[in-house]
Amino acid sequence: MQVLIVESTAALAELWQRHLERHGLTVSISSSGEAACDLIGSIRYDVIILDLVLAEGAAFAVADYAQYRWPQTSVIFVTDTTFFSDGSIFSIVPNARAFIQTRTPPEDLAAMVEHYGRAA
């Protein structure tokens, strides 16, 4: 299963990557929206873990491009903010499958990735 992590905080992205790789998943990391779109253009990811607030680029642009390029790709949004805490992100982004806090335990994130990745 191919997973893309789009996260500006390198240490957090690497923590998630190590945990997912222990589950046998193939994981790429991108720290910006533009770099993420470049990867999505050439690789079919089953799941994208996408920080809602990127230091460089727009998360919605990444999700939109993934929807256009690979409609079956699932997006798990992560955030440390309260934006979209009402669930409205699911009506805005058609490929959004989950919306979780950044501090969610890595094992819970891995379970979500495996669940939504199988559906892809």
N, C-alpha and C. Protein backbone atom coordinates (compact mmCIF):
# COMPACT_ATOMS: atom_id res chain seq x y z
N MET A 1 0.84 -1.16 0.00
CA MET A 1 0.00 0.00 0.00
C MET A 1 0.90 1.24 0.00
N GLN A 2 0.57 2.18 -0.83
CA GLN A 2 1.34 3.42 -0.97
C GLN A 2 0.68 4.53 -0.15
N VAL A 3 1.47 5.19 0.69
CA VAL A 3 0.97 6.27 1.54
C VAL A 3 1.86 7.50 1.35
N LEU A 4 1.21 8.65 1.26
CA LEU A 4 1.92 9.93 1.19
C LEU A 4 1.57 10.73 2.43
N ILE A 5 2.60 11.19 3.14
CA ILE A 5 2.42 12.08 4.28
C ILE A 5 2.80 13.48 3.82
N VAL A 6 1.87 14.41 3.95
CA VAL A 6 2.14 15.81 3.62
C VAL A 6 2.07 16.58 4.93
N GLU A 7 3.23 16.88 5.48
CA GLU A 7 3.34 17.47 6.82
C GLU A 7 4.55 18.38 6.86
N SER A 8 4.36 19.60 7.36
CA SER A 8 5.45 20.59 7.43
C SER A 8 6.43 20.31 8.55
N THR A 9 6.00 19.64 9.60
CA THR A 9 6.88 19.34 10.73
C THR A 9 7.58 18.01 10.46
N ALA A 10 8.86 18.10 10.12
CA ALA A 10 9.62 16.92 9.70
C ALA A 10 9.63 15.82 10.76
N ALA A 11 9.83 16.17 12.01
CA ALA A 11 9.90 15.16 13.07
C ALA A 11 8.59 14.38 13.18
N LEU A 12 7.47 15.06 13.05
CA LEU A 12 6.17 14.39 13.12
C LEU A 12 5.96 13.48 11.91
N ALA A 13 6.30 13.97 10.73
CA ALA A 13 6.17 13.17 9.51
C ALA A 13 7.03 11.91 9.60
N GLU A 14 8.24 12.06 10.11
CA GLU A 14 9.13 10.90 10.23
C GLU A 14 8.64 9.90 11.28
N LEU A 15 8.05 10.39 12.36
CA LEU A 15 7.46 9.50 13.37
C LEU A 15 6.36 8.66 12.74
N TRP A 16 5.45 9.32 12.03
CA TRP A 16 4.36 8.60 11.36
C TRP A 16 4.91 7.62 10.32
N GLN A 17 5.91 8.08 9.55
CA GLN A 17 6.49 7.23 8.51
C GLN A 17 7.06 5.94 9.12
N ARG A 18 7.85 6.07 10.17
CA ARG A 18 8.44 4.88 10.80
C ARG A 18 7.35 3.92 11.29
N HIS A 19 6.31 4.47 11.89
CA HIS A 19 5.25 3.63 12.42
C HIS A 19 4.51 2.90 11.28
N LEU A 20 4.21 3.60 10.21
CA LEU A 20 3.50 2.99 9.08
C LEU A 20 4.36 1.95 8.38
N GLU A 21 5.65 2.23 8.26
CA GLU A 21 6.56 1.27 7.61
C GLU A 21 6.68 -0.02 8.43
N ARG A 22 6.57 0.09 9.75
CA ARG A 22 6.57 -1.12 10.59
C ARG A 22 5.36 -1.98 10.31
N HIS A 23 4.31 -1.37 9.76
CA HIS A 23 3.11 -2.12 9.37
C HIS A 23 3.20 -2.62 7.92
N GLY A 24 4.35 -2.46 7.30
CA GLY A 24 4.55 -2.97 5.96
C GLY A 24 4.10 -2.05 4.84
N LEU A 25 3.84 -0.79 5.15
CA LEU A 25 3.37 0.16 4.13
C LEU A 25 4.55 0.90 3.52
N THR A 26 4.40 1.30 2.27
CA THR A 26 5.41 2.10 1.59
C THR A 26 5.02 3.56 1.74
N VAL A 27 5.91 4.37 2.33
CA VAL A 27 5.56 5.73 2.72
C VAL A 27 6.52 6.74 2.10
N SER A 28 5.93 7.79 1.52
CA SER A 28 6.68 8.95 1.03
C SER A 28 6.30 10.14 1.90
N ILE A 29 7.21 11.11 2.00
CA ILE A 29 6.95 12.33 2.77
C ILE A 29 7.15 13.54 1.88
N SER A 30 6.27 14.51 2.04
CA SER A 30 6.41 15.81 1.39
C SER A 30 6.14 16.88 2.43
N SER A 31 6.92 17.95 2.39
CA SER A 31 6.71 19.02 3.36
C SER A 31 5.96 20.21 2.78
N SER A 32 5.67 20.17 1.48
CA SER A 32 4.97 21.30 0.86
C SER A 32 3.88 20.81 -0.09
N GLY A 33 2.94 21.67 -0.36
CA GLY A 33 1.87 21.33 -1.28
C GLY A 33 2.36 21.08 -2.69
N GLU A 34 3.27 21.91 -3.15
CA GLU A 34 3.78 21.75 -4.52
C GLU A 34 4.52 20.44 -4.70
N ALA A 35 5.38 20.11 -3.75
CA ALA A 35 6.12 18.84 -3.83
C ALA A 35 5.16 17.66 -3.75
N ALA A 36 4.12 17.79 -2.93
CA ALA A 36 3.13 16.71 -2.82
C ALA A 36 2.42 16.50 -4.15
N CYS A 37 2.04 17.58 -4.81
CA CYS A 37 1.36 17.46 -6.11
C CYS A 37 2.28 16.84 -7.15
N ASP A 38 3.57 17.15 -7.09
CA ASP A 38 4.52 16.52 -8.01
C ASP A 38 4.54 15.00 -7.80
N LEU A 39 4.54 14.56 -6.55
CA LEU A 39 4.52 13.12 -6.26
C LEU A 39 3.21 12.48 -6.70
N ILE A 40 2.10 13.15 -6.40
CA ILE A 40 0.79 12.61 -6.77
C ILE A 40 0.65 12.49 -8.28
N GLY A 41 1.32 13.36 -9.01
CA GLY A 41 1.27 13.31 -10.47
C GLY A 41 1.93 12.07 -11.06
N SER A 42 2.83 11.45 -10.29
CA SER A 42 3.55 10.31 -10.86
C SER A 42 3.33 9.00 -10.11
N ILE A 43 2.79 9.06 -8.90
CA ILE A 43 2.60 7.85 -8.10
C ILE A 43 1.15 7.78 -7.63
N ARG A 44 0.56 6.60 -7.73
CA ARG A 44 -0.81 6.42 -7.23
C ARG A 44 -0.73 6.04 -5.76
N TYR A 45 -1.18 6.92 -4.91
CA TYR A 45 -1.22 6.66 -3.48
C TYR A 45 -2.59 6.15 -3.09
N ASP A 46 -2.60 5.19 -2.19
CA ASP A 46 -3.86 4.68 -1.67
C ASP A 46 -4.44 5.63 -0.63
N VAL A 47 -3.54 6.19 0.18
CA VAL A 47 -3.95 7.11 1.24
C VAL A 47 -2.97 8.27 1.31
N ILE A 48 -3.51 9.46 1.53
CA ILE A 48 -2.70 10.65 1.78
C ILE A 48 -3.04 11.16 3.16
N ILE A 49 -2.02 11.30 3.99
CA ILE A 49 -2.18 11.93 5.31
C ILE A 49 -1.77 13.38 5.10
N LEU A 50 -2.71 14.29 5.30
CA LEU A 50 -2.52 15.67 4.87
C LEU A 50 -2.80 16.65 6.00
N ASP A 51 -1.77 17.40 6.38
CA ASP A 51 -1.94 18.43 7.40
C ASP A 51 -2.80 19.54 6.81
N LEU A 52 -3.81 19.94 7.53
CA LEU A 52 -4.72 20.97 7.06
C LEU A 52 -4.04 22.32 6.88
N VAL A 53 -3.04 22.60 7.72
CA VAL A 53 -2.34 23.89 7.66
C VAL A 53 -0.87 23.62 7.34
N LEU A 54 -0.53 23.76 6.06
CA LEU A 54 0.85 23.55 5.62
C LEU A 54 1.64 24.85 5.69
N ALA A 55 2.94 24.76 5.97
CA ALA A 55 3.79 25.94 5.98
C ALA A 55 3.93 26.50 4.56
N GLU A 56 3.96 25.61 3.58
CA GLU A 56 4.08 26.01 2.17
C GLU A 56 3.04 25.27 1.35
N GLY A 57 2.14 26.03 0.74
CA GLY A 57 1.13 25.41 -0.11
C GLY A 57 -0.21 25.30 0.60
N ALA A 58 -1.18 24.81 -0.14
CA ALA A 58 -2.54 24.72 0.37
C ALA A 58 -3.00 23.26 0.40
N ALA A 59 -3.47 22.84 1.55
CA ALA A 59 -3.92 21.45 1.70
C ALA A 59 -5.08 21.14 0.77
N PHE A 60 -6.00 22.07 0.61
CA PHE A 60 -7.15 21.83 -0.27
C PHE A 60 -6.70 21.64 -1.72
N ALA A 61 -5.68 22.36 -2.15
CA ALA A 61 -5.17 22.19 -3.51
C ALA A 61 -4.60 20.78 -3.69
N VAL A 62 -3.91 20.29 -2.68
CA VAL A 62 -3.36 18.93 -2.74
C VAL A 62 -4.49 17.91 -2.81
N ALA A 63 -5.49 18.07 -1.95
CA ALA A 63 -6.63 17.14 -1.95
C ALA A 63 -7.39 17.19 -3.27
N ASP A 64 -7.58 18.39 -3.82
CA ASP A 64 -8.27 18.54 -5.10
C ASP A 64 -7.50 17.86 -6.22
N TYR A 65 -6.18 18.07 -6.24
CA TYR A 65 -5.38 17.44 -7.29
C TYR A 65 -5.40 15.92 -7.15
N ALA A 66 -5.33 15.42 -5.93
CA ALA A 66 -5.40 13.97 -5.73
C ALA A 66 -6.74 13.43 -6.21
N GLN A 67 -7.82 14.15 -5.94
CA GLN A 67 -9.15 13.73 -6.39
C GLN A 67 -9.22 13.69 -7.91
N TYR A 68 -8.62 14.68 -8.55
CA TYR A 68 -8.61 14.73 -10.01
C TYR A 68 -7.75 13.61 -10.60
N ARG A 69 -6.55 13.45 -10.07
CA ARG A 69 -5.58 12.51 -10.64
C ARG A 69 -5.90 11.05 -10.31
N TRP A 70 -6.27 10.78 -9.07
CA TRP A 70 -6.54 9.43 -8.58
C TRP A 70 -7.80 9.48 -7.72
N PRO A 71 -8.97 9.46 -8.30
CA PRO A 71 -10.23 9.62 -7.55
C PRO A 71 -10.43 8.64 -6.40
N GLN A 72 -9.83 7.48 -6.46
CA GLN A 72 -10.02 6.48 -5.42
C GLN A 72 -9.11 6.70 -4.21
N THR A 73 -8.19 7.65 -4.27
CA THR A 73 -7.29 7.92 -3.16
C THR A 73 -8.04 8.55 -1.99
N SER A 74 -7.82 8.02 -0.81
CA SER A 74 -8.45 8.54 0.41
C SER A 74 -7.52 9.55 1.07
N VAL A 75 -8.11 10.61 1.63
CA VAL A 75 -7.34 11.63 2.33
C VAL A 75 -7.75 11.64 3.80
N ILE A 76 -6.74 11.54 4.66
CA ILE A 76 -6.94 11.68 6.09
C ILE A 76 -6.33 13.03 6.47
N PHE A 77 -7.18 13.96 6.86
CA PHE A 77 -6.71 15.28 7.29
C PHE A 77 -6.30 15.21 8.75
N VAL A 78 -5.17 15.86 9.06
CA VAL A 78 -4.73 16.01 10.44
C VAL A 78 -4.57 17.51 10.72
N THR A 79 -4.81 17.88 11.96
CA THR A 79 -4.69 19.29 12.32
C THR A 79 -4.48 19.44 13.81
N ASP A 80 -3.91 20.58 14.19
CA ASP A 80 -3.83 20.93 15.61
C ASP A 80 -4.67 22.18 15.87
N THR A 81 -5.58 22.48 14.94
CA THR A 81 -6.47 23.63 15.07
C THR A 81 -7.91 23.15 15.26
N THR A 82 -8.81 24.10 15.41
CA THR A 82 -10.22 23.76 15.53
C THR A 82 -10.98 24.05 14.24
N PHE A 83 -10.27 24.43 13.16
CA PHE A 83 -10.94 24.64 11.88
C PHE A 83 -11.68 23.37 11.48
N PHE A 84 -12.86 23.52 10.95
CA PHE A 84 -13.67 22.41 10.43
C PHE A 84 -14.02 21.36 11.48
N SER A 85 -13.97 21.73 12.74
CA SER A 85 -14.32 20.76 13.79
C SER A 85 -15.80 20.38 13.74
N ASP A 86 -16.57 21.10 12.93
CA ASP A 86 -17.99 20.78 12.78
C ASP A 86 -18.24 19.70 11.73
N GLY A 87 -17.17 19.20 11.11
CA GLY A 87 -17.32 18.15 10.11
C GLY A 87 -17.58 18.65 8.70
N SER A 88 -17.61 19.96 8.51
CA SER A 88 -17.92 20.51 7.18
C SER A 88 -16.88 20.17 6.13
N ILE A 89 -15.70 19.77 6.55
CA ILE A 89 -14.66 19.41 5.58
C ILE A 89 -15.12 18.26 4.68
N PHE A 90 -16.00 17.40 5.20
CA PHE A 90 -16.45 16.26 4.41
C PHE A 90 -17.39 16.67 3.28
N SER A 91 -18.02 17.83 3.41
CA SER A 91 -18.86 18.32 2.31
C SER A 91 -18.06 19.17 1.33
N ILE A 92 -16.88 19.60 1.73
CA ILE A 92 -16.03 20.44 0.88
C ILE A 92 -15.04 19.60 0.07
N VAL A 93 -14.52 18.57 0.68
CA VAL A 93 -13.48 17.74 0.07
C VAL A 93 -14.03 16.33 -0.12
N PRO A 94 -14.36 15.94 -1.36
CA PRO A 94 -15.02 14.65 -1.58
C PRO A 94 -14.19 13.42 -1.22
N ASN A 95 -12.87 13.52 -1.23
CA ASN A 95 -12.04 12.36 -0.92
C ASN A 95 -11.58 12.34 0.54
N ALA A 96 -12.10 13.24 1.38
CA ALA A 96 -11.78 13.24 2.80
C ALA A 96 -12.46 12.04 3.46
N ARG A 97 -11.70 11.28 4.20
CA ARG A 97 -12.23 10.10 4.87
C ARG A 97 -12.20 10.24 6.38
N ALA A 98 -11.26 11.05 6.88
CA ALA A 98 -11.14 11.24 8.33
C ALA A 98 -10.55 12.62 8.59
N PHE A 99 -10.84 13.12 9.77
CA PHE A 99 -10.34 14.43 10.21
C PHE A 99 -9.96 14.26 11.67
N ILE A 100 -8.65 14.20 11.93
CA ILE A 100 -8.17 13.87 13.28
C ILE A 100 -7.19 14.91 13.78
N GLN A 101 -6.96 14.88 15.07
CA GLN A 101 -5.99 15.76 15.69
C GLN A 101 -4.57 15.25 15.44
N THR A 102 -3.64 16.16 15.33
CA THR A 102 -2.24 15.81 15.10
C THR A 102 -1.70 14.91 16.20
N ARG A 103 -2.19 15.08 17.40
CA ARG A 103 -1.70 14.29 18.53
C ARG A 103 -2.32 12.89 18.62
N THR A 104 -3.10 12.49 17.63
CA THR A 104 -3.65 11.14 17.60
C THR A 104 -2.50 10.13 17.66
N PRO A 105 -2.60 9.10 18.47
CA PRO A 105 -1.52 8.11 18.57
C PRO A 105 -1.21 7.49 17.19
N PRO A 106 0.06 7.30 16.89
CA PRO A 106 0.45 6.74 15.59
C PRO A 106 -0.20 5.39 15.28
N GLU A 107 -0.45 4.58 16.30
CA GLU A 107 -1.09 3.28 16.04
C GLU A 107 -2.53 3.46 15.59
N ASP A 108 -3.21 4.50 16.09
CA ASP A 108 -4.57 4.78 15.62
C ASP A 108 -4.55 5.29 14.19
N LEU A 109 -3.58 6.13 13.89
CA LEU A 109 -3.44 6.62 12.52
C LEU A 109 -3.16 5.46 11.57
N ALA A 110 -2.29 4.54 11.97
CA ALA A 110 -1.97 3.38 11.13
C ALA A 110 -3.22 2.54 10.88
N ALA A 111 -4.05 2.36 11.89
CA ALA A 111 -5.29 1.59 11.71
C ALA A 111 -6.21 2.27 10.70
N MET A 112 -6.30 3.58 10.76
CA MET A 112 -7.13 4.32 9.79
C MET A 112 -6.56 4.19 8.38
N VAL A 113 -5.26 4.31 8.25
CA VAL A 113 -4.63 4.19 6.94
C VAL A 113 -4.90 2.81 6.36
N GLU A 114 -4.73 1.78 7.15
CA GLU A 114 -4.98 0.42 6.65
C GLU A 114 -6.45 0.24 6.28
N HIS A 115 -7.35 0.79 7.04
CA HIS A 115 -8.78 0.67 6.75
C HIS A 115 -9.14 1.38 5.45
N TYR A 116 -8.77 2.64 5.33
CA TYR A 116 -9.14 3.40 4.13
C TYR A 116 -8.30 3.00 2.92
N GLY A 117 -7.11 2.51 3.15
CA GLY A 117 -6.26 2.05 2.05
C GLY A 117 -6.79 0.80 1.39
N ARG A 118 -7.38 -0.07 2.16
CA ARG A 118 -7.99 -1.29 1.59
C ARG A 118 -9.15 -0.93 0.67
N ALA A 119 -9.89 0.10 1.02
CA ALA A 119 -11.03 0.52 0.20
C ALA A 119 -10.59 1.12 -1.13
N ALA A 120 -9.37 1.66 -1.16
CA ALA A 120 -8.88 2.29 -2.39
C ALA A 120 -8.55 1.22 -3.42
